[in-house]
């Protein structure tokens, strides 16, 4: 139980630390609404479960020990975040009024459920940080006397649940103050989110493989 609590504490610190997930929500929720933000959060949680499963079957180790595989995932993830960042910067430059009802926003505001979940999943699954965590730190929380797979999936589910709750709260707060996100402040928020996503993308591109 102490190991489980320790893992939950570490997972909480990882989740609440600002990163691409947060900036994706800051980019999407004011424009697309609460539903899309929550679906992005579902995508984050699904990606966390994938990281846990990949770690349990050893694929994370292959990724981090292969320079080619790690580099490919790293640059794809970096490019994806930079792409999202430029979209946010483009919207900010066009002066989209986030306070308008969704039906009055451009048609791009009608994001489908699958796309919203996929966008959240891709943002997290292409992030090399979770892979490093699930390879280096995750096994230390597993009970060698218990069921390796069941314990690992339970810990991954805990991490995913923490992420869903935290990002759900973030989405609820953003949606609550959505009326205040219009005009110049909304443009600055979206621009800041775009700059952050581009910056994180370039940082990912410079990430070194710790296992190589």
C-alpha atoms as a PDB file:
ATOM      1  CA  UNK A   1       0.000   0.000   0.000  1.00  0.00           C
ATOM      2  CA  UNK A   2       2.852   2.401   0.782  1.00  0.00           C
ATOM      3  CA  UNK A   3       4.285   1.797  -2.681  1.00  0.00           C
ATOM      4  CA  UNK A   4       0.885   2.458  -4.231  1.00  0.00           C
ATOM      5  CA  UNK A   5       0.543   5.741  -2.337  1.00  0.00           C
ATOM      6  CA  UNK A   6       4.062   6.739  -3.336  1.00  0.00           C
ATOM      7  CA  UNK A   7       3.278   6.030  -6.995  1.00  0.00           C
ATOM      8  CA  UNK A   8       0.044   8.054  -6.782  1.00  0.00           C
ATOM      9  CA  UNK A   9       1.991  10.968  -5.302  1.00  0.00           C
ATOM     10  CA  UNK A  10       4.624  10.841  -8.065  1.00  0.00           C
ATOM     11  CA  UNK A  11       1.950  10.487 -10.741  1.00  0.00           C
ATOM     12  CA  UNK A  12       0.115  13.508  -9.337  1.00  0.00           C
ATOM     13  CA  UNK A  13       3.267  15.622  -9.485  1.00  0.00           C
ATOM     14  CA  UNK A  14       3.832  14.566 -13.096  1.00  0.00           C
ATOM     15  CA  UNK A  15       0.248  15.347 -14.067  1.00  0.00           C
ATOM     16  CA  UNK A  16       0.046  18.791 -12.466  1.00  0.00           C
ATOM     17  CA  UNK A  17       3.380  19.923 -13.922  1.00  0.00           C
ATOM     18  CA  UNK A  18       2.712  22.198 -16.920  1.00  0.00           C
ATOM     19  CA  UNK A  19       3.372  20.503 -20.225  1.00  0.00           C
ATOM     20  CA  UNK A  20       1.919  19.890 -23.703  1.00  0.00           C
ATOM     21  CA  UNK A  21      -1.312  18.408 -22.296  1.00  0.00           C
ATOM     22  CA  UNK A  22      -2.140  21.601 -20.415  1.00  0.00           C
ATOM     23  CA  UNK A  23      -1.322  23.858 -23.337  1.00  0.00           C
ATOM     24  CA  UNK A  24      -3.434  21.724 -25.667  1.00  0.00           C
ATOM     25  CA  UNK A  25      -6.412  22.262 -23.350  1.00  0.00           C
ATOM     26  CA  UNK A  26      -5.704  25.999 -23.218  1.00  0.00           C
ATOM     27  CA  UNK A  27      -5.682  25.997 -27.002  1.00  0.00           C
ATOM     28  CA  UNK A  28      -8.813  23.910 -27.565  1.00  0.00           C
ATOM     29  CA  UNK A  29     -11.271  24.443 -24.714  1.00  0.00           C
ATOM     30  CA  UNK A  30     -11.934  28.188 -25.188  1.00  0.00           C
ATOM     31  CA  UNK A  31     -12.613  27.654 -28.894  1.00  0.00           C
ATOM     32  CA  UNK A  32     -14.235  24.226 -29.069  1.00  0.00           C
ATOM     33  CA  UNK A  33     -15.937  24.053 -25.686  1.00  0.00           C
ATOM     34  CA  UNK A  34     -15.975  21.786 -22.651  1.00  0.00           C
ATOM     35  CA  UNK A  35     -16.830  18.591 -24.553  1.00  0.00           C
ATOM     36  CA  UNK A  36     -13.719  18.710 -26.708  1.00  0.00           C
ATOM     37  CA  UNK A  37     -11.509  19.572 -23.725  1.00  0.00           C
ATOM     38  CA  UNK A  38     -12.840  16.571 -21.797  1.00  0.00           C
ATOM     39  CA  UNK A  39     -12.335  14.315 -24.805  1.00  0.00           C
ATOM     40  CA  UNK A  40      -8.747  15.576 -25.058  1.00  0.00           C
ATOM     41  CA  UNK A  41      -8.351  14.569 -21.391  1.00  0.00           C
ATOM     42  CA  UNK A  42      -9.750  11.112 -22.179  1.00  0.00           C
ATOM     43  CA  UNK A  43      -7.102  10.852 -24.892  1.00  0.00           C
ATOM     44  CA  UNK A  44      -4.387  11.737 -22.368  1.00  0.00           C
ATOM     45  CA  UNK A  45      -5.594   8.988 -20.026  1.00  0.00           C
ATOM     46  CA  UNK A  46      -5.763   6.416 -22.822  1.00  0.00           C
ATOM     47  CA  UNK A  47      -2.186   7.272 -23.785  1.00  0.00           C
ATOM     48  CA  UNK A  48      -1.053   6.803 -20.174  1.00  0.00           C
ATOM     49  CA  UNK A  49      -2.542   3.306 -20.163  1.00  0.00           C
ATOM     50  CA  UNK A  50      -0.710   2.628 -23.428  1.00  0.00           C
ATOM     51  CA  UNK A  51       2.585   3.772 -21.892  1.00  0.00           C
ATOM     52  CA  UNK A  52       2.017   1.438 -18.929  1.00  0.00           C
ATOM     53  CA  UNK A  53       1.142  -1.504 -21.181  1.00  0.00           C
ATOM     54  CA  UNK A  54       4.114  -0.878 -23.477  1.00  0.00           C
ATOM     55  CA  UNK A  55       6.395  -0.737 -20.461  1.00  0.00           C
ATOM     56  CA  UNK A  56       5.058  -4.065 -19.163  1.00  0.00           C
ATOM     57  CA  UNK A  57       5.675  -5.863 -22.451  1.00  0.00           C
ATOM     58  CA  UNK A  58       9.102  -4.285 -22.896  1.00  0.00           C
ATOM     59  CA  UNK A  59       8.488  -2.047 -25.912  1.00  0.00           C
ATOM     60  CA  UNK A  60       9.421   1.083 -23.967  1.00  0.00           C
ATOM     61  CA  UNK A  61      12.845  -0.419 -23.358  1.00  0.00           C
ATOM     62  CA  UNK A  62      13.256  -1.040 -27.091  1.00  0.00           C
ATOM     63  CA  UNK A  63      12.277   2.557 -27.858  1.00  0.00           C
ATOM     64  CA  UNK A  64      14.762   4.016 -25.404  1.00  0.00           C
ATOM     65  CA  UNK A  65      17.630   1.717 -26.355  1.00  0.00           C
ATOM     66  CA  UNK A  66      17.223   2.196 -30.107  1.00  0.00           C
ATOM     67  CA  UNK A  67      18.462   5.552 -31.350  1.00  0.00           C
ATOM     68  CA  UNK A  68      16.544   5.165 -34.616  1.00  0.00           C
ATOM     69  CA  UNK A  69      13.190   4.349 -33.002  1.00  0.00           C
ATOM     70  CA  UNK A  70      13.588   6.950 -30.270  1.00  0.00           C
ATOM     71  CA  UNK A  71      14.642   9.596 -32.765  1.00  0.00           C
ATOM     72  CA  UNK A  72      11.714   8.834 -35.062  1.00  0.00           C
ATOM     73  CA  UNK A  73       9.147   9.100 -32.265  1.00  0.00           C
ATOM     74  CA  UNK A  74      10.887  12.180 -30.882  1.00  0.00           C
ATOM     75  CA  UNK A  75      10.805  14.106 -34.156  1.00  0.00           C
ATOM     76  CA  UNK A  76       7.255  13.013 -35.023  1.00  0.00           C
ATOM     77  CA  UNK A  77       6.105  14.189 -31.580  1.00  0.00           C
ATOM     78  CA  UNK A  78       8.034  17.440 -31.897  1.00  0.00           C
ATOM     79  CA  UNK A  79       6.587  18.117 -35.330  1.00  0.00           C
ATOM     80  CA  UNK A  80       3.063  17.397 -34.113  1.00  0.00           C
ATOM     81  CA  UNK A  81       3.347  19.836 -31.198  1.00  0.00           C
ATOM     82  CA  UNK A  82       4.869  22.513 -33.409  1.00  0.00           C
ATOM     83  CA  UNK A  83       1.986  22.006 -35.853  1.00  0.00           C
ATOM     84  CA  UNK A  84      -0.573  22.458 -33.036  1.00  0.00           C
ATOM     85  CA  UNK A  85       1.293  25.530 -31.853  1.00  0.00           C
ATOM     86  CA  UNK A  86       1.234  27.155 -35.280  1.00  0.00           C
ATOM     87  CA  UNK A  87      -2.515  26.492 -35.538  1.00  0.00           C
ATOM     88  CA  UNK A  88      -3.000  28.296 -32.224  1.00  0.00           C
ATOM     89  CA  UNK A  89      -0.828  31.201 -33.371  1.00  0.00           C
ATOM     90  CA  UNK A  90      -2.750  31.405 -36.632  1.00  0.00           C
ATOM     91  CA  UNK A  91      -6.081  31.548 -34.796  1.00  0.00           C
ATOM     92  CA  UNK A  92      -4.717  34.202 -32.446  1.00  0.00           C
ATOM     93  CA  UNK A  93      -3.554  36.334 -35.367  1.00  0.00           C
ATOM     94  CA  UNK A  94      -6.999  36.056 -36.961  1.00  0.00           C
ATOM     95  CA  UNK A  95      -8.625  37.320 -33.795  1.00  0.00           C
ATOM     96  CA  UNK A  96     -11.107  34.480 -33.162  1.00  0.00           C
ATOM     97  CA  UNK A  97     -13.533  35.641 -30.468  1.00  0.00           C
ATOM     98  CA  UNK A  98     -13.676  32.768 -27.979  1.00  0.00           C
ATOM     99  CA  UNK A  99     -16.604  34.316 -26.132  1.00  0.00           C
ATOM    100  CA  UNK A 100     -18.934  33.845 -29.109  1.00  0.00           C
ATOM    101  CA  UNK A 101     -21.311  30.874 -28.981  1.00  0.00           C
ATOM    102  CA  UNK A 102     -19.829  27.813 -30.671  1.00  0.00           C
ATOM    103  CA  UNK A 103     -22.352  27.986 -33.489  1.00  0.00           C
ATOM    104  CA  UNK A 104     -21.053  31.467 -34.398  1.00  0.00           C
ATOM    105  CA  UNK A 105     -17.411  30.408 -34.523  1.00  0.00           C
ATOM    106  CA  UNK A 106     -15.807  29.183 -37.739  1.00  0.00           C
ATOM    107  CA  UNK A 107     -16.788  25.685 -38.852  1.00  0.00           C
ATOM    108  CA  UNK A 108     -13.441  24.401 -37.653  1.00  0.00           C
ATOM    109  CA  UNK A 109     -14.884  24.748 -34.122  1.00  0.00           C
ATOM    110  CA  UNK A 110     -17.004  21.646 -34.738  1.00  0.00           C
ATOM    111  CA  UNK A 111     -14.338  19.096 -33.796  1.00  0.00           C
ATOM    112  CA  UNK A 112     -15.512  15.487 -33.866  1.00  0.00           C
ATOM    113  CA  UNK A 113     -15.237  13.227 -30.839  1.00  0.00           C
ATOM    114  CA  UNK A 114     -12.770  10.836 -32.447  1.00  0.00           C
ATOM    115  CA  UNK A 115     -10.519  13.666 -33.527  1.00  0.00           C
ATOM    116  CA  UNK A 116     -10.601  15.238 -30.059  1.00  0.00           C
ATOM    117  CA  UNK A 117      -9.650  11.959 -28.349  1.00  0.00           C
ATOM    118  CA  UNK A 118      -7.006  11.248 -30.995  1.00  0.00           C
ATOM    119  CA  UNK A 119      -5.487  14.715 -30.591  1.00  0.00           C
ATOM    120  CA  UNK A 120      -5.148  14.187 -26.840  1.00  0.00           C
ATOM    121  CA  UNK A 121      -3.798  10.659 -27.300  1.00  0.00           C
ATOM    122  CA  UNK A 122      -1.197  11.731 -29.854  1.00  0.00           C
ATOM    123  CA  UNK A 123      -0.047  14.659 -27.717  1.00  0.00           C
ATOM    124  CA  UNK A 124       0.708  12.307 -24.831  1.00  0.00           C
ATOM    125  CA  UNK A 125       1.826   9.124 -26.596  1.00  0.00           C
ATOM    126  CA  UNK A 126       4.413  11.005 -28.678  1.00  0.00           C
ATOM    127  CA  UNK A 127       5.852  12.647 -25.575  1.00  0.00           C
ATOM    128  CA  UNK A 128       9.163  10.893 -24.718  1.00  0.00           C
ATOM    129  CA  UNK A 129       8.928  11.932 -21.052  1.00  0.00           C
ATOM    130  CA  UNK A 130       6.239   9.371 -20.083  1.00  0.00           C
ATOM    131  CA  UNK A 131       8.201   6.626 -21.863  1.00  0.00           C
ATOM    132  CA  UNK A 132      11.261   7.493 -19.782  1.00  0.00           C
ATOM    133  CA  UNK A 133       9.192   7.490 -16.591  1.00  0.00           C
ATOM    134  CA  UNK A 134       7.551   4.137 -17.317  1.00  0.00           C
ATOM    135  CA  UNK A 135      10.869   2.540 -18.154  1.00  0.00           C
ATOM    136  CA  UNK A 136      13.069   4.020 -15.416  1.00  0.00           C
ATOM    137  CA  UNK A 137      10.756   4.603 -12.435  1.00  0.00           C
ATOM    138  CA  UNK A 138       7.622   2.548 -13.048  1.00  0.00           C
ATOM    139  CA  UNK A 139       9.162  -0.911 -12.350  1.00  0.00           C
ATOM    140  CA  UNK A 140      10.315   0.266  -8.909  1.00  0.00           C
ATOM    141  CA  UNK A 141       6.684   0.520  -7.788  1.00  0.00           C
ATOM    142  CA  UNK A 142       5.752  -3.006  -8.889  1.00  0.00           C
ATOM    143  CA  UNK A 143       5.465  -5.723  -6.255  1.00  0.00           C
ATOM    144  CA  UNK A 144       7.768  -8.602  -7.293  1.00  0.00           C
ATOM    145  CA  UNK A 145       5.738 -10.980  -5.129  1.00  0.00           C
ATOM    146  CA  UNK A 146       2.466 -10.092  -6.827  1.00  0.00           C
ATOM    147  CA  UNK A 147       1.043 -10.271 -10.333  1.00  0.00           C
ATOM    148  CA  UNK A 148       3.374  -8.173 -12.473  1.00  0.00           C
ATOM    149  CA  UNK A 149       0.834  -7.392 -15.180  1.00  0.00           C
ATOM    150  CA  UNK A 150      -2.171  -6.790 -12.916  1.00  0.00           C
ATOM    151  CA  UNK A 151      -0.180  -4.565 -10.561  1.00  0.00           C
ATOM    152  CA  UNK A 152       1.287  -2.636 -13.473  1.00  0.00           C
ATOM    153  CA  UNK A 153      -2.069  -2.027 -15.128  1.00  0.00           C
ATOM    154  CA  UNK A 154      -3.574  -1.005 -11.764  1.00  0.00           C
ATOM    155  CA  UNK A 155      -0.823   1.597 -11.309  1.00  0.00           C
ATOM    156  CA  UNK A 156      -1.283   2.790 -14.877  1.00  0.00           C
ATOM    157  CA  UNK A 157      -5.040   3.078 -14.300  1.00  0.00           C
ATOM    158  CA  UNK A 158      -4.354   5.129 -11.165  1.00  0.00           C
ATOM    159  CA  UNK A 159      -2.133   7.496 -13.142  1.00  0.00           C
ATOM    160  CA  UNK A 160      -4.772   7.737 -15.880  1.00  0.00           C
ATOM    161  CA  UNK A 161      -7.537   8.459 -13.346  1.00  0.00           C
ATOM    162  CA  UNK A 162      -5.480  11.199 -11.686  1.00  0.00           C
ATOM    163  CA  UNK A 163      -4.854  12.759 -15.094  1.00  0.00           C
ATOM    164  CA  UNK A 164      -8.534  12.585 -16.043  1.00  0.00           C
ATOM    165  CA  UNK A 165      -9.627  14.222 -12.778  1.00  0.00           C
ATOM    166  CA  UNK A 166      -6.981  16.967 -12.910  1.00  0.00           C
ATOM    167  CA  UNK A 167      -7.452  17.854 -16.553  1.00  0.00           C
ATOM    168  CA  UNK A 168     -11.216  17.605 -16.139  1.00  0.00           C
ATOM    169  CA  UNK A 169     -10.966  20.283 -13.461  1.00  0.00           C
ATOM    170  CA  UNK A 170      -8.789  22.412 -15.736  1.00  0.00           C
ATOM    171  CA  UNK A 171     -11.350  22.107 -18.524  1.00  0.00           C
ATOM    172  CA  UNK A 172     -14.208  22.997 -16.138  1.00  0.00           C
ATOM    173  CA  UNK A 173     -12.350  26.120 -14.963  1.00  0.00           C
ATOM    174  CA  UNK A 174     -11.539  27.232 -18.498  1.00  0.00           C
ATOM    175  CA  UNK A 175     -15.128  26.636 -19.574  1.00  0.00           C
ATOM    176  CA  UNK A 176     -16.423  28.529 -16.541  1.00  0.00           C
ATOM    177  CA  UNK A 177     -14.448  31.644 -17.408  1.00  0.00           C
ATOM    178  CA  UNK A 178     -14.962  31.235 -21.145  1.00  0.00           C
ATOM    179  CA  UNK A 179     -16.868  34.512 -21.371  1.00  0.00           C
ATOM    180  CA  UNK A 180     -13.785  36.297 -20.055  1.00  0.00           C
ATOM    181  CA  UNK A 181     -11.572  34.652 -22.677  1.00  0.00           C
ATOM    182  CA  UNK A 182     -12.913  36.701 -25.526  1.00  0.00           C
ATOM    183  CA  UNK A 183     -11.321  39.694 -27.151  1.00  0.00           C
ATOM    184  CA  UNK A 184      -7.710  40.640 -26.570  1.00  0.00           C
ATOM    185  CA  UNK A 185      -7.195  38.399 -23.537  1.00  0.00           C
ATOM    186  CA  UNK A 186      -8.412  35.370 -25.461  1.00  0.00           C
ATOM    187  CA  UNK A 187      -6.079  36.135 -28.329  1.00  0.00           C
ATOM    188  CA  UNK A 188      -3.135  36.479 -25.943  1.00  0.00           C
ATOM    189  CA  UNK A 189      -4.008  33.212 -24.193  1.00  0.00           C
ATOM    190  CA  UNK A 190      -4.168  31.346 -27.477  1.00  0.00           C
ATOM    191  CA  UNK A 191      -0.961  32.991 -28.662  1.00  0.00           C
ATOM    192  CA  UNK A 192       0.777  32.050 -25.404  1.00  0.00           C
ATOM    193  CA  UNK A 193      -0.464  28.468 -25.761  1.00  0.00           C
ATOM    194  CA  UNK A 194       0.817  28.383 -29.336  1.00  0.00           C
ATOM    195  CA  UNK A 195       4.234  29.688 -28.339  1.00  0.00           C
ATOM    196  CA  UNK A 196       4.403  27.148 -25.495  1.00  0.00           C
ATOM    197  CA  UNK A 197       3.481  24.236 -27.785  1.00  0.00           C
ATOM    198  CA  UNK A 198       6.063  25.308 -30.367  1.00  0.00           C
ATOM    199  CA  UNK A 199       8.690  25.721 -27.637  1.00  0.00           C
ATOM    200  CA  UNK A 200       7.944  22.292 -26.137  1.00  0.00           C
ATOM    201  CA  UNK A 201       8.081  20.799 -29.632  1.00  0.00           C
ATOM    202  CA  UNK A 202      11.556  22.194 -30.229  1.00  0.00           C
ATOM    203  CA  UNK A 203      12.606  21.021 -26.773  1.00  0.00           C
ATOM    204  CA  UNK A 204      11.423  17.505 -27.648  1.00  0.00           C
ATOM    205  CA  UNK A 205      13.442  17.668 -30.844  1.00  0.00           C
ATOM    206  CA  UNK A 206      16.569  18.340 -28.788  1.00  0.00           C
ATOM    207  CA  UNK A 207      15.804  15.568 -26.265  1.00  0.00           C
ATOM    208  CA  UNK A 208      18.658  13.099 -25.872  1.00  0.00           C
ATOM    209  CA  UNK A 209      18.037   9.383 -25.617  1.00  0.00           C
ATOM    210  CA  UNK A 210      18.944   8.398 -22.033  1.00  0.00           C
ATOM    211  CA  UNK A 211      19.074   4.710 -22.892  1.00  0.00           C
ATOM    212  CA  UNK A 212      21.388   4.889 -25.886  1.00  0.00           C
END
